[in-house]
Amino acid sequence: MPHEHFPAPQLIGQYRRFGELGPAYKIVAPVRPVDQDDWLVLIQIPESGEETEYRYSNIKNDPVAH
């Protein structure tokens, strides 16, 4: 499985927010590794229904959505 080395499988299904006041998004699945210690991750933005790729390094810095 290509995602077996994703460093944070516990994040899958979690909701985070773009910064303190940004919209919430759901972490769907790791896509592929990029750079040395980073991944592209598929996220879904419920507000718009959009799915897009977002860097794991950014996700780590975004707050958990409540």
PDB file of N, CA and C in Angstrom:
ATOM      1  N   MET A   1       0.853  -1.196   0.000  1.00  0.00           N
ATOM      2  CA  MET A   1       0.000   0.000   0.000  1.00  0.00           C
ATOM      3  C   MET A   1       0.889   1.246   0.000  1.00  0.00           C
ATOM      4  N   PRO A   2       0.707   2.168  -0.939  1.00  0.00           N
ATOM      5  CA  PRO A   2       1.609   3.312  -1.034  1.00  0.00           C
ATOM      6  C   PRO A   2       1.480   4.308   0.115  1.00  0.00           C
ATOM      7  N   HIS A   3       0.389   4.228   0.865  1.00  0.00           N
ATOM      8  CA  HIS A   3       0.184   5.204   1.937  1.00  0.00           C
ATOM      9  C   HIS A   3       0.683   4.699   3.283  1.00  0.00           C
ATOM     10  N   GLU A   4       1.317   3.538   3.297  1.00  0.00           N
ATOM     11  CA  GLU A   4       1.684   2.949   4.582  1.00  0.00           C
ATOM     12  C   GLU A   4       2.706   3.764   5.347  1.00  0.00           C
ATOM     13  N   HIS A   5       3.417   4.648   4.668  1.00  0.00           N
ATOM     14  CA  HIS A   5       4.430   5.450   5.357  1.00  0.00           C
ATOM     15  C   HIS A   5       3.943   6.852   5.698  1.00  0.00           C
ATOM     16  N   PHE A   6       2.670   7.124   5.470  1.00  0.00           N
ATOM     17  CA  PHE A   6       2.120   8.427   5.848  1.00  0.00           C
ATOM     18  C   PHE A   6       2.306   8.593   7.353  1.00  0.00           C
ATOM     19  N   PRO A   7       2.917   9.692   7.788  1.00  0.00           N
ATOM     20  CA  PRO A   7       3.326   9.821   9.194  1.00  0.00           C
ATOM     21  C   PRO A   7       2.197  10.012  10.203  1.00  0.00           C
ATOM     22  N   ALA A   8       0.972  10.293   9.761  1.00  0.00           N
ATOM     23  CA  ALA A   8      -0.086  10.597  10.732  1.00  0.00           C
ATOM     24  C   ALA A   8      -1.421   9.999  10.304  1.00  0.00           C
ATOM     25  N   PRO A   9      -1.528   8.668  10.224  1.00  0.00           N
ATOM     26  CA  PRO A   9      -2.799   8.071   9.783  1.00  0.00           C
ATOM     27  C   PRO A   9      -3.974   8.416  10.685  1.00  0.00           C
ATOM     28  N   GLN A  10      -3.712   8.813  11.922  1.00  0.00           N
ATOM     29  CA  GLN A  10      -4.791   9.176  12.848  1.00  0.00           C
ATOM     30  C   GLN A  10      -5.509  10.451  12.415  1.00  0.00           C
ATOM     31  N   LEU A  11      -4.930  11.209  11.494  1.00  0.00           N
ATOM     32  CA  LEU A  11      -5.573  12.443  11.022  1.00  0.00           C
ATOM     33  C   LEU A  11      -6.704  12.176  10.031  1.00  0.00           C
ATOM     34  N   ILE A  12      -6.697  11.015   9.394  1.00  0.00           N
ATOM     35  CA  ILE A  12      -7.700  10.715   8.368  1.00  0.00           C
ATOM     36  C   ILE A  12      -9.095  10.751   9.011  1.00  0.00           C
ATOM     37  N   GLY A  13      -9.986  11.510   8.395  1.00  0.00           N
ATOM     38  CA  GLY A  13     -11.343  11.673   8.914  1.00  0.00           C
ATOM     39  C   GLY A  13     -11.497  12.844   9.860  1.00  0.00           C
ATOM     40  N   GLN A  14     -10.385  13.445  10.264  1.00  0.00           N
ATOM     41  CA  GLN A  14     -10.428  14.575  11.197  1.00  0.00           C
ATOM     42  C   GLN A  14     -10.792  15.863  10.446  1.00  0.00           C
ATOM     43  N   TYR A  15     -11.409  16.774  11.164  1.00  0.00           N
ATOM     44  CA  TYR A  15     -11.720  18.094  10.606  1.00  0.00           C
ATOM     45  C   TYR A  15     -10.747  19.114  11.170  1.00  0.00           C
ATOM     46  N   ARG A  16     -10.211  19.938  10.283  1.00  0.00           N
ATOM     47  CA  ARG A  16      -9.345  21.048  10.668  1.00  0.00           C
ATOM     48  C   ARG A  16      -9.914  22.305  10.030  1.00  0.00           C
ATOM     49  N   ARG A  17      -9.275  23.421  10.320  1.00  0.00           N
ATOM     50  CA  ARG A  17      -9.738  24.710   9.823  1.00  0.00           C
ATOM     51  C   ARG A  17      -8.534  25.455   9.247  1.00  0.00           C
ATOM     52  N   PHE A  18      -8.765  26.178   8.132  1.00  0.00           N
ATOM     53  CA  PHE A  18      -7.700  26.999   7.540  1.00  0.00           C
ATOM     54  C   PHE A  18      -7.460  28.202   8.451  1.00  0.00           C
ATOM     55  N   GLY A  19      -6.488  28.119   9.333  1.00  0.00           N
ATOM     56  CA  GLY A  19      -6.226  29.194  10.276  1.00  0.00           C
ATOM     57  C   GLY A  19      -7.334  29.285  11.317  1.00  0.00           C
ATOM     58  N   GLU A  20      -7.292  30.307  12.118  1.00  0.00           N
ATOM     59  CA  GLU A  20      -8.250  30.457  13.217  1.00  0.00           C
ATOM     60  C   GLU A  20      -9.679  30.716  12.742  1.00  0.00           C
ATOM     61  N   LEU A  21      -9.834  31.425  11.631  1.00  0.00           N
ATOM     62  CA  LEU A  21     -11.163  31.857  11.210  1.00  0.00           C
ATOM     63  C   LEU A  21     -11.596  31.300   9.855  1.00  0.00           C
ATOM     64  N   GLY A  22     -10.752  30.504   9.234  1.00  0.00           N
ATOM     65  CA  GLY A  22     -11.061  29.981   7.908  1.00  0.00           C
ATOM     66  C   GLY A  22     -12.080  28.858   7.946  1.00  0.00           C
ATOM     67  N   PRO A  23     -12.521  28.418   6.777  1.00  0.00           N
ATOM     68  CA  PRO A  23     -13.495  27.327   6.716  1.00  0.00           C
ATOM     69  C   PRO A  23     -12.889  26.003   7.173  1.00  0.00           C
ATOM     70  N   ALA A  24     -13.762  25.124   7.616  1.00  0.00           N
ATOM     71  CA  ALA A  24     -13.334  23.793   8.042  1.00  0.00           C
ATOM     72  C   ALA A  24     -13.115  22.915   6.820  1.00  0.00           C
ATOM     73  N   TYR A  25     -12.252  21.918   6.994  1.00  0.00           N
ATOM     74  CA  TYR A  25     -12.054  20.916   5.950  1.00  0.00           C
ATOM     75  C   TYR A  25     -11.845  19.557   6.591  1.00  0.00           C
ATOM     76  N   LYS A  26     -12.166  18.515   5.830  1.00  0.00           N
ATOM     77  CA  LYS A  26     -12.014  17.143   6.306  1.00  0.00           C
ATOM     78  C   LYS A  26     -10.812  16.518   5.613  1.00  0.00           C
ATOM     79  N   ILE A  27      -9.978  15.852   6.388  1.00  0.00           N
ATOM     80  CA  ILE A  27      -8.817  15.153   5.848  1.00  0.00           C
ATOM     81  C   ILE A  27      -9.307  13.796   5.335  1.00  0.00           C
ATOM     82  N   VAL A  28      -9.176  13.569   4.018  1.00  0.00           N
ATOM     83  CA  VAL A  28      -9.748  12.386   3.385  1.00  0.00           C
ATOM     84  C   VAL A  28      -8.733  11.252   3.258  1.00  0.00           C
ATOM     85  N   ALA A  29      -7.568  11.531   2.654  1.00  0.00           N
ATOM     86  CA  ALA A  29      -6.600  10.459   2.412  1.00  0.00           C
ATOM     87  C   ALA A  29      -5.255  11.029   1.992  1.00  0.00           C
ATOM     88  N   PRO A  30      -4.172  10.343   2.353  1.00  0.00           N
ATOM     89  CA  PRO A  30      -2.864  10.743   1.824  1.00  0.00           C
ATOM     90  C   PRO A  30      -2.827  10.446   0.321  1.00  0.00           C
ATOM     91  N   VAL A  31      -2.189  11.317  -0.449  1.00  0.00           N
ATOM     92  CA  VAL A  31      -2.107  11.132  -1.895  1.00  0.00           C
ATOM     93  C   VAL A  31      -0.730  10.611  -2.286  1.00  0.00           C
ATOM     94  N   ARG A  32       0.311  11.393  -1.960  1.00  0.00           N
ATOM     95  CA  ARG A  32       1.677  10.973  -2.290  1.00  0.00           C
ATOM     96  C   ARG A  32       2.680  11.811  -1.510  1.00  0.00           C
ATOM     97  N   PRO A  33       3.849  11.242  -1.272  1.00  0.00           N
ATOM     98  CA  PRO A  33       4.891  12.022  -0.591  1.00  0.00           C
ATOM     99  C   PRO A  33       5.458  13.088  -1.525  1.00  0.00           C
ATOM    100  N   VAL A  34       5.815  14.213  -0.939  1.00  0.00           N
ATOM    101  CA  VAL A  34       6.526  15.287  -1.644  1.00  0.00           C
ATOM    102  C   VAL A  34       7.626  15.780  -0.725  1.00  0.00           C
ATOM    103  N   ASP A  35       8.705  16.236  -1.314  1.00  0.00           N
ATOM    104  CA  ASP A  35       9.840  16.706  -0.523  1.00  0.00           C
ATOM    105  C   ASP A  35      10.313  15.626   0.449  1.00  0.00           C
ATOM    106  N   GLN A  36      11.115  16.014   1.403  1.00  0.00           N
ATOM    107  CA  GLN A  36      11.701  15.056   2.341  1.00  0.00           C
ATOM    108  C   GLN A  36      10.708  14.562   3.384  1.00  0.00           C
ATOM    109  N   ASP A  37      10.036  15.464   4.049  1.00  0.00           N
ATOM    110  CA  ASP A  37       9.161  15.083   5.166  1.00  0.00           C
ATOM    111  C   ASP A  37       7.744  15.612   4.990  1.00  0.00           C
ATOM    112  N   ASP A  38       7.262  15.637   3.767  1.00  0.00           N
ATOM    113  CA  ASP A  38       5.943  16.212   3.540  1.00  0.00           C
ATOM    114  C   ASP A  38       5.138  15.314   2.606  1.00  0.00           C
ATOM    115  N   TRP A  39       3.821  15.464   2.650  1.00  0.00           N
ATOM    116  CA  TRP A  39       2.905  14.698   1.813  1.00  0.00           C
ATOM    117  C   TRP A  39       1.868  15.629   1.235  1.00  0.00           C
ATOM    118  N   LEU A  40       1.303  15.256   0.101  1.00  0.00           N
ATOM    119  CA  LEU A  40       0.075  15.867  -0.374  1.00  0.00           C
ATOM    120  C   LEU A  40      -1.060  15.005   0.140  1.00  0.00           C
ATOM    121  N   VAL A  41      -2.072  15.656   0.681  1.00  0.00           N
ATOM    122  CA  VAL A  41      -3.198  14.970   1.305  1.00  0.00           C
ATOM    123  C   VAL A  41      -4.478  15.472   0.643  1.00  0.00           C
ATOM    124  N   LEU A  42      -5.385  14.561   0.348  1.00  0.00           N
ATOM    125  CA  LEU A  42      -6.684  14.945  -0.212  1.00  0.00           C
ATOM    126  C   LEU A  42      -7.568  15.449   0.915  1.00  0.00           C
ATOM    127  N   ILE A  43      -8.115  16.652   0.725  1.00  0.00           N
ATOM    128  CA  ILE A  43      -9.043  17.213   1.718  1.00  0.00           C
ATOM    129  C   ILE A  43     -10.346  17.564   1.025  1.00  0.00           C
ATOM    130  N   GLN A  44     -11.399  17.644   1.819  1.00  0.00           N
ATOM    131  CA  GLN A  44     -12.715  18.044   1.314  1.00  0.00           C
ATOM    132  C   GLN A  44     -13.187  19.232   2.143  1.00  0.00           C
ATOM    133  N   ILE A  45     -13.697  20.247   1.455  1.00  0.00           N
ATOM    134  CA  ILE A  45     -14.208  21.441   2.125  1.00  0.00           C
ATOM    135  C   ILE A  45     -15.730  21.358   2.088  1.00  0.00           C
ATOM    136  N   PRO A  46     -16.377  20.990   3.217  1.00  0.00           N
ATOM    137  CA  PRO A  46     -17.835  20.809   3.225  1.00  0.00           C
ATOM    138  C   PRO A  46     -18.611  22.051   2.780  1.00  0.00           C
ATOM    139  N   GLU A  47     -18.098  23.218   3.107  1.00  0.00           N
ATOM    140  CA  GLU A  47     -18.776  24.472   2.774  1.00  0.00           C
ATOM    141  C   GLU A  47     -19.023  24.612   1.269  1.00  0.00           C
ATOM    142  N   SER A  48     -18.061  24.135   0.453  1.00  0.00           N
ATOM    143  CA  SER A  48     -18.172  24.272  -1.002  1.00  0.00           C
ATOM    144  C   SER A  48     -18.319  22.930  -1.720  1.00  0.00           C
ATOM    145  N   GLY A  49     -18.041  21.835  -1.012  1.00  0.00           N
ATOM    146  CA  GLY A  49     -18.060  20.524  -1.634  1.00  0.00           C
ATOM    147  C   GLY A  49     -16.796  20.216  -2.419  1.00  0.00           C
ATOM    148  N   GLU A  50     -15.876  21.163  -2.433  1.00  0.00           N
ATOM    149  CA  GLU A  50     -14.634  21.012  -3.190  1.00  0.00           C
ATOM    150  C   GLU A  50     -13.702  19.983  -2.549  1.00  0.00           C
ATOM    151  N   GLU A  51     -13.017  19.218  -3.388  1.00  0.00           N
ATOM    152  CA  GLU A  51     -11.928  18.357  -2.941  1.00  0.00           C
ATOM    153  C   GLU A  51     -10.658  18.864  -3.590  1.00  0.00           C
ATOM    154  N   THR A  52      -9.592  18.911  -2.827  1.00  0.00           N
ATOM    155  CA  THR A  52      -8.328  19.407  -3.345  1.00  0.00           C
ATOM    156  C   THR A  52      -7.179  18.770  -2.573  1.00  0.00           C
ATOM    157  N   GLU A  53      -5.980  18.946  -3.084  1.00  0.00           N
ATOM    158  CA  GLU A  53      -4.798  18.457  -2.383  1.00  0.00           C
ATOM    159  C   GLU A  53      -4.206  19.588  -1.562  1.00  0.00           C
ATOM    160  N   TYR A  54      -3.701  19.227  -0.395  1.00  0.00           N
ATOM    161  CA  TYR A  54      -3.181  20.205   0.568  1.00  0.00           C
ATOM    162  C   TYR A  54      -1.989  19.567   1.250  1.00  0.00           C
ATOM    163  N   ARG A  55      -1.004  20.345   1.575  1.00  0.00           N
ATOM    164  CA  ARG A  55       0.206  19.789   2.177  1.00  0.00           C
ATOM    165  C   ARG A  55       0.011  19.403   3.652  1.00  0.00           C
ATOM    166  N   TYR A  56       0.562  18.251   3.987  1.00  0.00           N
ATOM    167  CA  TYR A  56       0.549  17.777   5.370  1.00  0.00           C
ATOM    168  C   TYR A  56       1.212  18.793   6.300  1.00  0.00           C
ATOM    169  N   SER A  57       2.288  19.442   5.848  1.00  0.00           N
ATOM    170  CA  SER A  57       2.974  20.437   6.683  1.00  0.00           C
ATOM    171  C   SER A  57       2.040  21.590   7.047  1.00  0.00           C
ATOM    172  N   ASN A  58       1.097  21.929   6.173  1.00  0.00           N
ATOM    173  CA  ASN A  58       0.110  22.966   6.491  1.00  0.00           C
ATOM    174  C   ASN A  58      -0.941  22.431   7.459  1.00  0.00           C
ATOM    175  N   ILE A  59      -1.378  21.193   7.232  1.00  0.00           N
ATOM    176  CA  ILE A  59      -2.385  20.587   8.105  1.00  0.00           C
ATOM    177  C   ILE A  59      -1.903  20.578   9.555  1.00  0.00           C
ATOM    178  N   LYS A  60      -0.637  20.262   9.752  1.00  0.00           N
ATOM    179  CA  LYS A  60      -0.088  20.193  11.119  1.00  0.00           C
ATOM    180  C   LYS A  60      -0.225  21.512  11.859  1.00  0.00           C
ATOM    181  N   ASN A  61      -0.217  22.617  11.103  1.00  0.00           N
ATOM    182  CA  ASN A  61      -0.283  23.949  11.722  1.00  0.00           C
ATOM    183  C   ASN A  61      -1.707  24.490  11.831  1.00  0.00           C
ATOM    184  N   ASP A  62      -2.666  23.824  11.191  1.00  0.00           N
ATOM    185  CA  ASP A  62      -4.047  24.301  11.236  1.00  0.00           C
ATOM    186  C   ASP A  62      -4.749  23.786  12.495  1.00  0.00           C
ATOM    187  N   PRO A  63      -5.617  24.610  13.103  1.00  0.00           N
ATOM    188  CA  PRO A  63      -6.317  24.165  14.314  1.00  0.00           C
ATOM    189  C   PRO A  63      -7.408  23.136  14.018  1.00  0.00           C
ATOM    190  N   VAL A  64      -7.672  22.297  15.002  1.00  0.00           N
ATOM    191  CA  VAL A  64      -8.766  21.323  14.907  1.00  0.00           C
ATOM    192  C   VAL A  64     -10.073  22.097  14.893  1.00  0.00           C
ATOM    193  N   ALA A  65     -10.981  21.722  13.993  1.00  0.00           N
ATOM    194  CA  ALA A  65     -12.299  22.378  13.917  1.00  0.00           C
ATOM    195  C   ALA A  65     -13.205  21.753  14.975  1.00  0.00           C
ATOM    196  N   HIS A  66     -13.925  22.606  15.708  1.00  0.00           N
ATOM    197  CA  HIS A  66     -14.820  22.129  16.769  1.00  0.00           C
ATOM    198  C   HIS A  66     -16.260  22.212  16.335  1.00  0.00           C
TER     199      HIS A  66
END
